[in-house]
Each structure stands twice: as structure tokens, then as C-alpha cells.
Amino acid sequence: MRFSFLASRCPEYCALRAKSQPLARVWQLGHGIVWICLLSLPGAVAAWWVSRDDPELPHDAAWSVVAPVLLFAVIGVVVKRYAVRKGGAR
């Protein structure tokens, strides 16, 4: 799977757009979710790293920041793969 910031440069997206516009939009949704998660991951890791050293903050609170970011990234990848398999773009 090739990864580009612009969806129009990805061959999977181009193939889906030629076959089905709604599935191409589903693929774009997944692509956007993955990018948002990748861009917010450094901040989530930094929050986790800082909260490790702060005795007043519970350690579990830091995972409540990192875990949703990772979960949404997995959801984004699953949405993209669903669109590709459903559209038969491969």
C-alpha cells in the first residue's frame, strides 16, 4: 500500500474513483483518519512522556490520550482496506 498525503496520487484511490465514487469517498475518509492520527501521535506520546514524571497525575490518564489515537489509526486503515476490497481495486 503506497502512502501519500494527497489521495489523488494513490493508485488505490484512482482505481476506486474510476469504479465507484462512493467507495472512493470511503477510502478518502479512512485516509484522512490515518493522517490525523499520524499528525496527533507525537503530541499524544509527548503527553504520555510528561505525565510519567508527574507524581500528581495518574499513569492511566496518559494512556487515555494515546490509546484513542492508536485505535482511530487502526480504524482508518481498516476503512481504507474495506473500500479497496469492496471495490475490487486490487
N, C-alpha and C. Protein backbone atom coordinates (compact mmCIF):
# COMPACT_ATOMS: atom_id res chain seq x y z
N MET A 1 0.84 -1.15 0.00
CA MET A 1 0.00 0.00 0.00
C MET A 1 0.90 1.23 0.00
N ARG A 2 0.79 2.03 -1.03
CA ARG A 2 1.56 3.27 -1.14
C ARG A 2 0.87 4.34 -0.31
N PHE A 3 1.67 5.16 0.37
CA PHE A 3 1.09 6.17 1.25
C PHE A 3 1.53 7.54 0.81
N SER A 4 0.61 8.39 0.51
CA SER A 4 0.87 9.75 0.09
C SER A 4 -0.08 10.68 0.83
N PHE A 5 0.36 11.92 1.03
CA PHE A 5 -0.51 12.90 1.68
C PHE A 5 -1.73 13.19 0.82
N LEU A 6 -1.53 13.33 -0.48
CA LEU A 6 -2.63 13.59 -1.39
C LEU A 6 -3.27 12.28 -1.83
N ALA A 7 -4.56 12.20 -1.67
CA ALA A 7 -5.26 10.97 -2.05
C ALA A 7 -5.22 10.76 -3.56
N SER A 8 -5.19 11.85 -4.32
CA SER A 8 -5.22 11.73 -5.78
C SER A 8 -3.96 11.09 -6.35
N ARG A 9 -2.89 11.00 -5.58
CA ARG A 9 -1.66 10.38 -6.05
C ARG A 9 -1.58 8.89 -5.73
N CYS A 10 -2.52 8.38 -4.95
CA CYS A 10 -2.51 6.97 -4.58
C CYS A 10 -3.22 6.16 -5.67
N PRO A 11 -2.57 5.12 -6.17
CA PRO A 11 -3.19 4.32 -7.22
C PRO A 11 -4.47 3.62 -6.77
N GLU A 12 -4.56 3.27 -5.49
CA GLU A 12 -5.77 2.63 -4.98
C GLU A 12 -6.96 3.57 -5.10
N TYR A 13 -6.74 4.83 -4.75
CA TYR A 13 -7.81 5.82 -4.83
C TYR A 13 -8.23 6.05 -6.27
N CYS A 14 -7.27 6.17 -7.16
CA CYS A 14 -7.59 6.40 -8.57
C CYS A 14 -8.40 5.25 -9.15
N ALA A 15 -8.02 4.02 -8.80
CA ALA A 15 -8.76 2.86 -9.29
C ALA A 15 -10.17 2.83 -8.72
N LEU A 16 -10.30 3.16 -7.45
CA LEU A 16 -11.64 3.19 -6.84
C LEU A 16 -12.50 4.30 -7.43
N ARG A 17 -11.90 5.44 -7.69
CA ARG A 17 -12.67 6.56 -8.24
C ARG A 17 -13.19 6.23 -9.63
N ALA A 18 -12.41 5.47 -10.39
CA ALA A 18 -12.86 5.08 -11.73
C ALA A 18 -14.03 4.09 -11.65
N LYS A 19 -14.06 3.27 -10.59
CA LYS A 19 -15.11 2.26 -10.45
C LYS A 19 -16.32 2.77 -9.69
N SER A 20 -16.08 3.42 -8.55
CA SER A 20 -17.19 3.79 -7.68
C SER A 20 -16.83 5.04 -6.88
N GLN A 21 -17.56 6.11 -7.11
CA GLN A 21 -17.32 7.36 -6.39
C GLN A 21 -17.61 7.22 -4.89
N PRO A 22 -18.70 6.57 -4.46
CA PRO A 22 -18.93 6.42 -3.00
C PRO A 22 -17.82 5.64 -2.29
N LEU A 23 -17.31 4.58 -2.92
CA LEU A 23 -16.22 3.84 -2.28
C LEU A 23 -14.94 4.66 -2.25
N ALA A 24 -14.75 5.50 -3.26
CA ALA A 24 -13.58 6.38 -3.25
C ALA A 24 -13.68 7.37 -2.09
N ARG A 25 -14.87 7.82 -1.79
CA ARG A 25 -15.04 8.73 -0.64
C ARG A 25 -14.83 8.01 0.68
N VAL A 26 -15.24 6.76 0.76
CA VAL A 26 -14.98 5.96 1.97
C VAL A 26 -13.47 5.81 2.15
N TRP A 27 -12.76 5.55 1.05
CA TRP A 27 -11.31 5.42 1.10
C TRP A 27 -10.68 6.74 1.57
N GLN A 28 -11.19 7.86 1.06
CA GLN A 28 -10.69 9.17 1.48
C GLN A 28 -10.92 9.42 2.96
N LEU A 29 -12.06 8.97 3.47
CA LEU A 29 -12.35 9.10 4.89
C LEU A 29 -11.30 8.35 5.71
N GLY A 30 -11.03 7.12 5.34
CA GLY A 30 -10.00 6.34 6.03
C GLY A 30 -8.63 6.98 5.92
N HIS A 31 -8.33 7.52 4.75
CA HIS A 31 -7.04 8.19 4.52
C HIS A 31 -6.91 9.41 5.43
N GLY A 32 -7.98 10.17 5.55
CA GLY A 32 -7.96 11.34 6.42
C GLY A 32 -7.81 10.97 7.88
N ILE A 33 -8.48 9.91 8.30
CA ILE A 33 -8.38 9.46 9.69
C ILE A 33 -6.94 9.05 10.00
N VAL A 34 -6.32 8.32 9.08
CA VAL A 34 -4.94 7.88 9.30
C VAL A 34 -4.00 9.08 9.40
N TRP A 35 -4.16 10.06 8.52
CA TRP A 35 -3.30 11.24 8.57
C TRP A 35 -3.49 12.04 9.85
N ILE A 36 -4.73 12.21 10.27
CA ILE A 36 -4.97 12.95 11.51
C ILE A 36 -4.33 12.24 12.69
N CYS A 37 -4.43 10.92 12.71
CA CYS A 37 -3.82 10.16 13.80
C CYS A 37 -2.30 10.24 13.76
N LEU A 38 -1.72 10.16 12.57
CA LEU A 38 -0.27 10.26 12.47
C LEU A 38 0.23 11.64 12.91
N LEU A 39 -0.52 12.67 12.58
CA LEU A 39 -0.10 14.02 12.98
C LEU A 39 -0.32 14.29 14.46
N SER A 40 -1.27 13.62 15.09
CA SER A 40 -1.52 13.85 16.51
C SER A 40 -0.75 12.87 17.40
N LEU A 41 -0.15 11.86 16.83
CA LEU A 41 0.58 10.88 17.63
C LEU A 41 1.76 11.47 18.39
N PRO A 42 2.58 12.35 17.78
CA PRO A 42 3.68 12.92 18.58
C PRO A 42 3.20 13.69 19.81
N GLY A 43 2.11 14.42 19.69
CA GLY A 43 1.57 15.13 20.84
C GLY A 43 1.06 14.18 21.91
N ALA A 44 0.43 13.10 21.49
CA ALA A 44 -0.07 12.12 22.46
C ALA A 44 1.08 11.43 23.18
N VAL A 45 2.12 11.10 22.43
CA VAL A 45 3.29 10.47 23.06
C VAL A 45 3.98 11.45 24.00
N ALA A 46 4.06 12.71 23.60
CA ALA A 46 4.66 13.72 24.49
C ALA A 46 3.85 13.87 25.77
N ALA A 47 2.52 13.86 25.67
CA ALA A 47 1.68 13.95 26.87
C ALA A 47 1.89 12.74 27.76
N TRP A 48 2.03 11.58 27.16
CA TRP A 48 2.28 10.38 27.95
C TRP A 48 3.65 10.46 28.62
N TRP A 49 4.65 10.94 27.89
CA TRP A 49 6.02 11.02 28.41
C TRP A 49 6.10 12.00 29.59
N VAL A 50 5.44 13.14 29.46
CA VAL A 50 5.46 14.14 30.52
C VAL A 50 4.70 13.65 31.75
N SER A 51 3.60 12.96 31.53
CA SER A 51 2.79 12.52 32.68
C SER A 51 3.46 11.39 33.46
N ARG A 52 4.45 10.73 32.84
CA ARG A 52 5.18 9.68 33.57
C ARG A 52 5.92 10.25 34.76
N ASP A 53 6.47 11.45 34.57
CA ASP A 53 7.33 12.04 35.60
C ASP A 53 6.56 12.89 36.61
N ASP A 54 5.29 13.15 36.35
CA ASP A 54 4.50 13.98 37.26
C ASP A 54 3.81 13.08 38.29
N PRO A 55 4.17 13.21 39.55
CA PRO A 55 3.58 12.33 40.57
C PRO A 55 2.10 12.61 40.84
N GLU A 56 1.62 13.81 40.49
CA GLU A 56 0.22 14.15 40.76
C GLU A 56 -0.73 13.53 39.74
N LEU A 57 -0.25 13.26 38.54
CA LEU A 57 -1.11 12.68 37.51
C LEU A 57 -1.03 11.15 37.55
N PRO A 58 -2.16 10.51 37.49
CA PRO A 58 -2.13 9.04 37.44
C PRO A 58 -1.59 8.57 36.08
N HIS A 59 -0.88 7.47 36.08
CA HIS A 59 -0.26 6.95 34.85
C HIS A 59 -1.33 6.47 33.86
N ASP A 60 -2.47 6.04 34.36
CA ASP A 60 -3.53 5.57 33.47
C ASP A 60 -4.13 6.70 32.64
N ALA A 61 -4.08 7.92 33.14
CA ALA A 61 -4.63 9.05 32.40
C ALA A 61 -3.86 9.31 31.11
N ALA A 62 -2.58 9.02 31.11
CA ALA A 62 -1.77 9.21 29.90
C ALA A 62 -2.19 8.23 28.82
N TRP A 63 -2.50 7.01 29.19
CA TRP A 63 -2.94 6.04 28.19
C TRP A 63 -4.30 6.40 27.62
N SER A 64 -5.08 7.17 28.36
CA SER A 64 -6.37 7.59 27.82
C SER A 64 -6.21 8.61 26.70
N VAL A 65 -5.02 9.14 26.53
CA VAL A 65 -4.72 10.04 25.41
C VAL A 65 -4.14 9.25 24.24
N VAL A 66 -3.22 8.35 24.51
CA VAL A 66 -2.52 7.61 23.46
C VAL A 66 -3.40 6.53 22.85
N ALA A 67 -4.14 5.83 23.66
CA ALA A 67 -4.94 4.70 23.16
C ALA A 67 -5.97 5.09 22.11
N PRO A 68 -6.74 6.17 22.27
CA PRO A 68 -7.70 6.52 21.21
C PRO A 68 -7.03 6.90 19.89
N VAL A 69 -5.87 7.53 19.96
CA VAL A 69 -5.16 7.89 18.73
C VAL A 69 -4.77 6.62 17.98
N LEU A 70 -4.23 5.66 18.69
CA LEU A 70 -3.85 4.39 18.05
C LEU A 70 -5.08 3.63 17.55
N LEU A 71 -6.15 3.66 18.32
CA LEU A 71 -7.37 2.98 17.92
C LEU A 71 -7.96 3.59 16.65
N PHE A 72 -8.00 4.91 16.57
CA PHE A 72 -8.53 5.56 15.37
C PHE A 72 -7.63 5.32 14.16
N ALA A 73 -6.33 5.21 14.38
CA ALA A 73 -5.43 4.91 13.26
C ALA A 73 -5.74 3.52 12.70
N VAL A 74 -5.97 2.56 13.57
CA VAL A 74 -6.33 1.22 13.11
C VAL A 74 -7.67 1.25 12.38
N ILE A 75 -8.62 2.01 12.90
CA ILE A 75 -9.93 2.14 12.24
C ILE A 75 -9.76 2.74 10.85
N GLY A 76 -8.91 3.74 10.71
CA GLY A 76 -8.66 4.35 9.41
C GLY A 76 -8.09 3.37 8.41
N VAL A 77 -7.15 2.55 8.85
CA VAL A 77 -6.56 1.54 7.96
C VAL A 77 -7.60 0.51 7.56
N VAL A 78 -8.44 0.11 8.51
CA VAL A 78 -9.50 -0.87 8.21
C VAL A 78 -10.50 -0.29 7.21
N VAL A 79 -10.86 0.97 7.36
CA VAL A 79 -11.80 1.59 6.43
C VAL A 79 -11.21 1.63 5.02
N LYS A 80 -9.93 1.98 4.92
CA LYS A 80 -9.28 2.02 3.60
C LYS A 80 -9.26 0.62 2.97
N ARG A 81 -8.90 -0.37 3.74
CA ARG A 81 -8.85 -1.74 3.20
C ARG A 81 -10.23 -2.24 2.81
N TYR A 82 -11.24 -1.87 3.58
CA TYR A 82 -12.61 -2.25 3.25
C TYR A 82 -13.01 -1.69 1.89
N ALA A 83 -12.72 -0.41 1.69
CA ALA A 83 -13.09 0.22 0.43
C ALA A 83 -12.37 -0.43 -0.75
N VAL A 84 -11.10 -0.76 -0.56
CA VAL A 84 -10.32 -1.37 -1.65
C VAL A 84 -10.86 -2.76 -1.95
N ARG A 85 -11.14 -3.54 -0.93
CA ARG A 85 -11.64 -4.91 -1.16
C ARG A 85 -13.06 -4.90 -1.73
N LYS A 86 -13.90 -4.01 -1.24
CA LYS A 86 -15.27 -3.94 -1.69
C LYS A 86 -15.33 -3.46 -3.15
N GLY A 87 -14.43 -2.54 -3.51
CA GLY A 87 -14.42 -2.03 -4.87
C GLY A 87 -13.62 -2.87 -5.83
N GLY A 88 -12.87 -3.82 -5.32
CA GLY A 88 -12.06 -4.67 -6.19
C GLY A 88 -10.98 -3.89 -6.92
N ALA A 89 -10.40 -2.93 -6.25
CA ALA A 89 -9.39 -2.08 -6.89
C ALA A 89 -8.03 -2.75 -6.99
N ARG A 90 -7.83 -3.86 -6.34
CA ARG A 90 -6.53 -4.53 -6.37
C ARG A 90 -6.46 -5.55 -7.44
